[in-house]
Amino acid sequence: MKPPVVLVRGKNFYLIDNFEGELHTHKGIIRLDELKEKNFGETIKTHLGYEFNIIPFSASDFFKLFKKSATPVMPKDIGAVIAHTGLSPDSLIFDAGTGSGVVAAYLAYFNKYGEVITVEKRKEFAKIARKNFKMAGLSNIHQLIGDAVEVAEGFKKEFDLVFLDMKDDVTFIPKAMKILENSGYVVVYNPYLEKAKAVYEKMREVGFKNIEAFEIIKINLEFRKVGTRPFTDVFHTGFIVIGRKI
């Protein structure tokens, strides 16, 4: 077994990217060198005798365990993007606004025969995302630092999907039309209704078809002796606007 691995006990998760030193937890100290002799499915004990399960680091952990910079797009929204665009595993994707790299990572993971070009203006965000990509073992992500509109000027390839999570996203819509393959999709994620509307209208203006705008709400359930009821920590995340070049 090699790093990275995840140690889990109840609702507590720890991402381990090397097997040296110690991990200090709320249930005691774990000697990480002991993981070298362990296998997935086994447990490791703290010095207080509490056991943590050892599981592989996988795509389901990207959102939960990636180091964060900007507020990331949540899995429920990323799943909607993948489903609504019919993402194929050999796509060429342009991702503007890398942030922590959560979206780029999921798109790359489900696009194993294709490539993801991700662009981030802020160097400190790009550095965090780069470490996340390396930890996830994703080699089909190409990371660029700079202004997304300016970067896109240098591309002659036609993309299958353009995903935007950036300021001034509306200014990129005409460029998205130019760099997209015929039948390709542009997807914009924005937390503000007014800006989502502006993107919608700009898509119509430049000729995108099958445009739709929506919000995905995920409500968890809690089961207690007295009964079952919904609860959610985050009600609103963002609005998604999708258009297709036809």
Protein backbone atom coordinates (compact mmCIF):
# COMPACT_ATOMS: atom_id res chain seq x y z
CA MET A 1 0.00 0.00 0.00
CA LYS A 2 1.30 3.43 -0.95
CA PRO A 3 0.11 6.97 -0.14
CA PRO A 4 -2.20 8.74 -0.42
CA VAL A 5 -4.65 6.91 1.84
CA VAL A 6 -7.56 8.02 3.98
CA LEU A 7 -8.02 7.25 7.68
CA VAL A 8 -11.61 7.38 8.84
CA ARG A 9 -13.42 7.05 12.14
CA GLY A 10 -17.06 8.07 12.22
CA LYS A 11 -17.37 11.48 10.58
CA ASN A 12 -13.66 12.24 10.88
CA PHE A 13 -11.45 11.82 7.79
CA TYR A 14 -7.69 12.32 7.47
CA LEU A 15 -5.84 12.36 4.17
CA ILE A 16 -2.35 10.89 4.52
CA ASP A 17 0.11 11.69 1.72
CA ASN A 18 3.22 10.18 3.32
CA PHE A 19 3.99 7.46 5.80
CA GLU A 20 6.46 9.35 7.98
CA GLY A 21 6.01 11.09 11.33
CA GLU A 22 2.89 11.23 13.47
CA LEU A 23 -0.74 12.20 13.01
CA HIS A 24 -2.33 13.92 16.00
CA THR A 25 -6.07 13.26 16.13
CA HIS A 26 -8.89 13.92 18.60
CA LYS A 27 -8.55 10.26 19.62
CA GLY A 28 -4.81 10.14 20.08
CA ILE A 29 -1.60 9.87 18.06
CA ILE A 30 -1.05 7.58 15.08
CA ARG A 31 2.43 6.52 13.99
CA LEU A 32 2.26 6.85 10.22
CA ASP A 33 5.17 4.47 9.55
CA GLU A 34 2.89 1.64 10.72
CA LEU A 35 0.83 2.15 7.57
CA LYS A 36 3.67 0.64 5.49
CA GLU A 37 2.72 -2.80 6.76
CA LYS A 38 -1.03 -2.33 6.44
CA ASN A 39 -3.58 -3.07 3.69
CA PHE A 40 -6.80 -1.36 2.69
CA GLY A 41 -9.69 -2.56 4.84
CA GLU A 42 -7.51 -2.95 7.91
CA THR A 43 -7.36 -0.61 10.89
CA ILE A 44 -4.65 1.33 12.67
CA LYS A 45 -4.74 2.28 16.35
CA THR A 46 -3.87 5.52 18.11
CA HIS A 47 -1.73 5.46 21.23
CA LEU A 48 -4.99 5.59 23.20
CA GLY A 49 -6.28 2.42 21.50
CA TYR A 50 -8.86 3.96 19.16
CA GLU A 51 -9.09 2.37 15.72
CA PHE A 52 -9.23 4.16 12.35
CA ASN A 53 -10.18 2.36 9.15
CA ILE A 54 -7.76 2.54 6.22
CA ILE A 55 -9.38 3.20 2.84
CA PRO A 56 -8.06 4.27 -0.59
CA PHE A 57 -8.11 7.91 -1.64
CA SER A 58 -10.60 8.11 -4.52
CA ALA A 59 -12.61 10.59 -6.58
CA SER A 60 -15.34 10.62 -3.94
CA ASP A 61 -12.80 12.32 -1.65
CA PHE A 62 -11.79 15.17 -3.98
CA PHE A 63 -14.30 17.69 -2.65
CA LYS A 64 -14.04 16.61 0.97
CA LEU A 65 -10.25 16.29 1.29
CA PHE A 66 -8.66 18.59 -1.27
CA LYS A 67 -6.94 21.58 0.28
CA LYS A 68 -9.22 24.56 -0.35
CA SER A 69 -8.54 28.10 -1.53
CA ALA A 70 -11.59 29.64 -3.21
CA THR A 71 -15.04 28.26 -2.37
CA PRO A 72 -15.33 25.13 -4.55
CA VAL A 73 -18.25 24.02 -6.68
CA MET A 74 -20.06 21.22 -4.84
CA PRO A 75 -20.31 17.62 -6.13
CA LYS A 76 -24.07 17.90 -6.70
CA ASP A 77 -23.46 20.71 -9.18
CA ILE A 78 -20.49 19.02 -10.83
CA GLY A 79 -22.57 15.88 -11.28
CA ALA A 80 -25.28 17.93 -12.96
CA VAL A 81 -22.74 19.40 -15.37
CA ILE A 82 -21.41 15.96 -16.31
CA ALA A 83 -24.92 14.55 -16.79
CA HIS A 84 -26.38 17.49 -18.73
CA THR A 85 -23.44 17.74 -21.13
CA GLY A 86 -23.09 13.98 -21.61
CA LEU A 87 -19.36 14.17 -20.93
CA SER A 88 -17.50 11.47 -22.86
CA PRO A 89 -14.17 9.99 -21.66
CA ASP A 90 -12.18 11.44 -24.60
CA SER A 91 -13.17 15.10 -24.39
CA LEU A 92 -11.12 18.27 -24.67
CA ILE A 93 -12.24 20.61 -21.88
CA PHE A 94 -11.47 24.25 -21.10
CA ASP A 95 -11.94 25.11 -17.41
CA ALA A 96 -11.73 28.81 -16.54
CA GLY A 97 -11.27 29.60 -12.85
CA THR A 98 -9.36 26.66 -11.38
CA GLY A 99 -9.71 27.71 -7.74
CA SER A 100 -8.88 24.67 -5.60
CA GLY A 101 -9.10 22.43 -8.65
CA VAL A 102 -12.16 20.45 -7.58
CA VAL A 103 -14.08 20.85 -10.86
CA ALA A 104 -11.00 20.23 -13.02
CA ALA A 105 -10.19 17.11 -11.00
CA TYR A 106 -13.64 15.58 -11.44
CA LEU A 107 -13.74 16.46 -15.13
CA ALA A 108 -10.30 14.92 -15.64
CA TYR A 109 -11.18 11.80 -13.66
CA PHE A 110 -14.25 11.06 -15.81
CA ASN A 111 -12.36 12.12 -18.94
CA LYS A 112 -9.50 9.63 -18.68
CA TYR A 113 -8.72 9.50 -22.41
CA GLY A 114 -9.07 13.25 -22.91
CA GLU A 115 -7.54 16.44 -21.55
CA VAL A 116 -8.53 19.31 -19.29
CA ILE A 117 -6.98 22.74 -19.79
CA THR A 118 -7.55 24.72 -16.59
CA VAL A 119 -6.74 28.41 -16.18
CA GLU A 120 -6.37 30.36 -12.95
CA LYS A 121 -5.43 34.03 -12.60
CA ARG A 122 -4.24 33.89 -8.97
CA LYS A 123 -0.89 32.16 -8.49
CA GLU A 124 -1.58 31.19 -4.88
CA PHE A 125 -4.77 29.38 -5.91
CA ALA A 126 -2.98 27.66 -8.78
CA LYS A 127 -0.28 26.40 -6.43
CA ILE A 128 -2.84 24.76 -4.13
CA ALA A 129 -4.68 23.21 -7.09
CA ARG A 130 -1.44 21.84 -8.51
CA LYS A 131 -0.73 19.99 -5.27
CA ASN A 132 -4.27 18.61 -5.26
CA PHE A 133 -3.90 17.33 -8.84
CA LYS A 134 -0.60 15.65 -8.00
CA MET A 135 -2.02 14.00 -4.90
CA ALA A 136 -4.97 12.70 -6.94
CA GLY A 137 -2.62 11.25 -9.55
CA LEU A 138 -4.28 13.12 -12.42
CA SER A 139 -1.91 13.46 -15.37
CA ASN A 140 -4.42 14.67 -17.98
CA ILE A 141 -4.79 18.17 -16.51
CA HIS A 142 -2.75 21.00 -18.03
CA GLN A 143 -2.65 24.01 -15.73
CA LEU A 144 -2.08 27.55 -16.96
CA ILE A 145 -1.79 30.78 -14.97
CA GLY A 146 -3.23 33.95 -16.45
CA ASP A 147 -6.37 35.67 -17.68
CA ALA A 148 -8.73 33.08 -19.19
CA VAL A 149 -9.83 35.32 -22.08
CA GLU A 150 -6.25 36.07 -23.07
CA VAL A 151 -5.22 32.43 -22.71
CA ALA A 152 -8.11 31.28 -24.89
CA GLU A 153 -6.89 33.56 -27.69
CA GLY A 154 -3.94 31.22 -28.16
CA PHE A 155 -6.01 28.08 -28.75
CA LYS A 156 -6.94 26.85 -32.17
CA LYS A 157 -8.27 23.47 -31.01
CA GLU A 158 -11.99 23.08 -30.72
CA PHE A 159 -13.18 22.13 -27.26
CA ASP A 160 -16.05 19.81 -26.37
CA LEU A 161 -16.84 21.63 -23.12
CA VAL A 162 -16.09 25.06 -21.70
CA PHE A 163 -16.73 25.45 -17.97
CA LEU A 164 -16.64 28.91 -16.39
CA ASP A 165 -16.44 29.70 -12.67
CA MET A 166 -14.87 33.14 -12.84
CA LYS A 167 -15.54 36.84 -12.48
CA ASP A 168 -16.73 38.57 -15.64
CA ASP A 169 -17.90 35.23 -17.00
CA VAL A 170 -20.27 37.00 -19.37
CA THR A 171 -17.30 38.47 -21.27
CA PHE A 172 -16.05 34.97 -22.06
CA ILE A 173 -19.27 33.77 -23.73
CA PRO A 174 -18.38 35.04 -27.25
CA LYS A 175 -14.95 33.41 -26.91
CA ALA A 176 -16.58 30.16 -25.81
CA MET A 177 -18.60 30.15 -29.04
CA LYS A 178 -15.39 30.48 -31.05
CA ILE A 179 -13.35 27.74 -29.34
CA LEU A 180 -16.12 25.16 -28.97
CA GLU A 181 -16.55 22.22 -31.32
CA ASN A 182 -19.88 22.13 -33.13
CA SER A 183 -22.38 20.54 -30.68
CA GLY A 184 -20.08 21.44 -27.76
CA TYR A 185 -21.36 22.91 -24.50
CA VAL A 186 -20.61 25.98 -22.43
CA VAL A 187 -21.47 25.81 -18.74
CA VAL A 188 -21.38 28.77 -16.35
CA TYR A 189 -21.55 28.51 -12.57
CA ASN A 190 -22.40 31.66 -10.64
CA PRO A 191 -23.81 32.27 -7.14
CA TYR A 192 -25.77 35.39 -8.14
CA LEU A 193 -29.08 35.40 -9.98
CA GLU A 194 -28.51 38.71 -11.77
CA LYS A 195 -25.19 37.51 -13.20
CA ALA A 196 -26.69 34.18 -14.21
CA LYS A 197 -29.38 36.08 -16.09
CA ALA A 198 -26.76 38.21 -17.83
CA VAL A 199 -24.93 35.06 -18.93
CA TYR A 200 -28.19 33.54 -20.19
CA GLU A 201 -28.95 36.62 -22.26
CA LYS A 202 -25.41 36.78 -23.67
CA MET A 203 -25.63 33.12 -24.71
CA ARG A 204 -28.81 33.89 -26.63
CA GLU A 205 -27.20 36.94 -28.18
CA VAL A 206 -24.16 35.09 -29.57
CA GLY A 207 -26.20 32.15 -30.87
CA PHE A 208 -26.08 29.34 -28.34
CA LYS A 209 -29.05 26.94 -28.45
CA ASN A 210 -30.83 24.69 -25.96
CA ILE A 211 -30.02 27.17 -23.20
CA GLU A 212 -31.23 26.36 -19.72
CA ALA A 213 -30.61 27.82 -16.27
CA PHE A 214 -31.29 26.02 -13.02
CA GLU A 215 -30.26 25.41 -9.42
CA ILE A 216 -29.60 22.05 -7.81
CA ILE A 217 -30.65 21.71 -4.17
CA LYS A 218 -29.49 18.74 -2.12
CA ILE A 219 -31.38 18.07 1.11
CA ASN A 220 -30.03 15.44 3.48
CA LEU A 221 -32.20 13.41 5.83
CA GLU A 222 -31.62 12.72 9.49
CA PHE A 223 -33.17 9.69 11.16
CA ARG A 224 -34.01 9.90 14.86
CA LYS A 225 -36.19 7.91 17.21
CA VAL A 226 -38.80 10.64 17.15
CA GLY A 227 -38.90 10.63 13.35
CA THR A 228 -37.24 11.59 10.10
CA ARG A 229 -36.73 15.12 8.85
CA PRO A 230 -34.67 16.96 6.23
CA PHE A 231 -31.72 19.15 7.08
CA THR A 232 -29.06 20.96 5.11
CA ASP A 233 -25.99 22.95 6.11
CA VAL A 234 -25.91 24.81 2.80
CA PHE A 235 -29.18 25.63 1.06
CA HIS A 236 -27.99 27.75 -1.87
CA THR A 237 -24.69 27.19 -3.70
CA GLY A 238 -24.96 28.58 -7.22
CA PHE A 239 -26.88 28.79 -10.47
CA ILE A 240 -25.91 26.77 -13.55
CA VAL A 241 -26.45 28.07 -17.06
CA ILE A 242 -25.85 25.69 -19.99
CA GLY A 243 -25.82 26.42 -23.71
CA ARG A 244 -24.94 24.33 -26.75
CA LYS A 245 -23.24 25.33 -29.99
CA ILE A 246 -25.46 24.01 -32.76
